[in-house]
Amino acid sequence: MSAFDPVRSFRKLAYNNALANVRLHRACTALRPGEFEAKRVSFFPSIKATLNHILTVDWFYVDALEGGALGLKAFDIEEPYDRLDELRLEQADVDRRLVAFCEALTPETAMRIIDIQREGRIQRERADDVLNHLFQHQTHHRGQVHAMLAGTSVAPPQLDEFIVSDDARFRGEELAVLGWDETKLMR
């Protein structure tokens, strides 16, 4: 048995985030024409708008975590993608970046101060707090898409399974899409 790894939870959250996005996007590909952009009751008015919001916020925070300079430009276009296939590719890319960041995380870098560009100021937060905030944000809005799917022709996918070994039988398709195996998830 190896020593306790205080940043393992962040890796697991990043893996879970990518798996949940794959599962949710796959469900959305089965929507009938017009359902993706149809007006719905939620914080954002459609599945399309909500998935675009998740993406732009991910761009914003992942770039800040990486020390980039994208800042508020992440939000220049409120809904950068009209088509789910394009949005899925961009979401997969930012998910890979977030996984890579979390895989490289150490207890020391988790405490590093991250500069986050805000309107007229720089917000300074610890990396672990930014990660917790980001994972909470993603989970919150994926839940809204999940609820909106209940009003479509597509059944909402299972999103509340976490990455425990007993759930391996439920995630084979998503792991294949990501090119991962169970060994990666259990580190």
Foldseek 3Di string as FASTA:
>chain_A
DDDDAPLLVQLQLLVLLLLLLVQQLVLVVPFDPPQQAQADDDPDGGVQLLLQQLLLVLVQLLCQLVVHDCAPVSPVDSRPDPDSVVSSVSVNVSSVSSSVSSVPDHPVQQQDWTWHDDVPDTDIDGNVVSSVVSSVSSVVSSVVSQVSCVVTPTHRDDSPDGLDPVCQVVRPVSCVVSVHDNVSNVD
